[in-house]
Protein backbone atom coordinates (compact mmCIF):
# COMPACT_ATOMS: atom_id res chain seq x y z
CA UNK A 1 32.62 -46.77 -20.55
CA UNK A 2 33.52 -49.12 -17.66
CA UNK A 3 30.61 -50.60 -15.70
CA UNK A 4 30.02 -51.97 -12.19
CA UNK A 5 33.05 -52.51 -9.98
CA UNK A 6 35.37 -51.40 -12.77
CA UNK A 7 33.57 -48.05 -12.93
CA UNK A 8 33.92 -47.60 -9.16
CA UNK A 9 37.66 -48.22 -9.37
CA UNK A 10 37.96 -45.89 -12.36
CA UNK A 11 35.97 -43.19 -10.56
CA UNK A 12 38.11 -43.44 -7.43
CA UNK A 13 41.28 -43.08 -9.51
CA UNK A 14 39.85 -40.21 -11.55
CA UNK A 15 38.63 -38.42 -8.39
CA UNK A 16 42.09 -38.75 -6.83
CA UNK A 17 43.76 -37.37 -9.95
CA UNK A 18 41.18 -34.58 -10.20
CA UNK A 19 41.90 -33.47 -6.64
CA UNK A 20 45.66 -33.54 -7.27
CA UNK A 21 45.45 -31.46 -10.45
CA UNK A 22 42.89 -29.07 -8.96
CA UNK A 23 45.05 -28.40 -5.89
CA UNK A 24 48.15 -27.91 -8.03
CA UNK A 25 46.29 -25.48 -10.29
CA UNK A 26 44.87 -23.60 -7.32
CA UNK A 27 48.34 -23.24 -5.76
CA UNK A 28 49.80 -22.01 -9.05
CA UNK A 29 47.31 -19.17 -9.39
CA UNK A 30 48.03 -15.69 -8.09
CA UNK A 31 46.06 -14.41 -5.15
CA UNK A 32 42.80 -12.65 -5.84
CA UNK A 33 42.96 -8.88 -6.22
CA UNK A 34 40.19 -6.26 -6.23
CA UNK A 35 39.69 -6.51 -10.00
CA UNK A 36 41.07 -10.00 -10.69
CA UNK A 37 39.64 -13.15 -9.10
CA UNK A 38 41.32 -16.23 -10.62
CA UNK A 39 41.27 -18.35 -7.47
CA UNK A 40 37.68 -17.46 -6.60
CA UNK A 41 36.61 -18.16 -10.19
CA UNK A 42 38.33 -21.57 -10.17
CA UNK A 43 36.75 -22.56 -6.86
CA UNK A 44 33.28 -21.48 -8.04
CA UNK A 45 33.70 -23.26 -11.37
CA UNK A 46 34.83 -26.48 -9.71
CA UNK A 47 31.95 -26.47 -7.24
CA UNK A 48 29.45 -25.83 -10.04
CA UNK A 49 31.05 -28.52 -12.20
CA UNK A 50 30.72 -31.13 -9.42
CA UNK A 51 27.02 -30.31 -9.01
CA UNK A 52 26.53 -30.50 -12.78
CA UNK A 53 28.40 -33.82 -13.06
CA UNK A 54 26.38 -35.38 -10.28
CA UNK A 55 23.05 -34.17 -11.70
CA UNK A 56 23.92 -35.10 -15.27
CA UNK A 57 25.05 -38.58 -14.28
CA UNK A 58 21.97 -39.12 -12.12
CA UNK A 59 19.94 -38.36 -15.24
CA UNK A 60 22.02 -40.83 -17.26
CA UNK A 61 21.49 -43.49 -14.61
CA UNK A 62 17.75 -42.91 -14.48
CA UNK A 63 17.21 -42.78 -18.24
CA UNK A 64 19.71 -45.37 -19.46
CA UNK A 65 20.19 -47.70 -16.52
CA UNK A 66 16.97 -49.70 -16.49
CA UNK A 67 16.66 -51.61 -13.21
CA UNK A 68 17.99 -50.12 -9.95
CA UNK A 69 21.29 -52.06 -10.02
CA UNK A 70 22.12 -50.81 -13.49
CA UNK A 71 21.04 -47.24 -12.75
CA UNK A 72 23.81 -47.03 -10.18
CA UNK A 73 26.32 -48.61 -12.57
CA UNK A 74 25.46 -46.16 -15.35
CA UNK A 75 25.63 -43.23 -12.91
CA UNK A 76 29.07 -44.29 -11.67
CA UNK A 77 30.40 -44.93 -15.17
CA UNK A 78 29.19 -41.49 -16.25
CA UNK A 79 30.86 -39.83 -13.25
CA UNK A 80 34.10 -41.63 -14.04
CA UNK A 81 34.08 -40.52 -17.66
CA UNK A 82 33.15 -36.92 -16.88
CA UNK A 83 35.79 -36.74 -14.14
CA UNK A 84 38.49 -37.98 -16.52
CA UNK A 85 37.42 -35.29 -19.00
CA UNK A 86 37.56 -32.65 -16.25
CA UNK A 87 41.08 -33.76 -15.30
CA UNK A 88 42.15 -33.22 -18.92
CA UNK A 89 40.59 -29.74 -18.89
CA UNK A 90 42.29 -28.73 -15.64
CA UNK A 91 45.62 -30.15 -16.84
CA UNK A 92 45.33 -27.97 -19.94
CA UNK A 93 44.57 -24.92 -17.78
CA UNK A 94 47.57 -25.74 -15.61
CA UNK A 95 49.87 -26.13 -18.62
CA UNK A 96 48.60 -22.88 -20.13
CA UNK A 97 48.99 -21.12 -16.80
CA UNK A 98 52.56 -22.37 -16.30
CA UNK A 99 53.64 -21.15 -19.77
């Protein structure tokens, strides 16, 4: 898990990639219908995932980071790792959806 400045750079890159994949997946989905809500479900899941990631990584920072400076570093490193994992998940959904 990268730490400090490296984690910030990794998080920025992962966030950029996450947004790209998310937008591509969203565009590839059919419009919502009365009994089928793929776009709405994706948007809700992504919003909930962001809240979960932020809360989970704040916990990691507080419990594993020690002093204030390291709490932030652990939080950022956690966000970077979780975001990279989310990118992989959305890429799989996109691949499955395109097939």
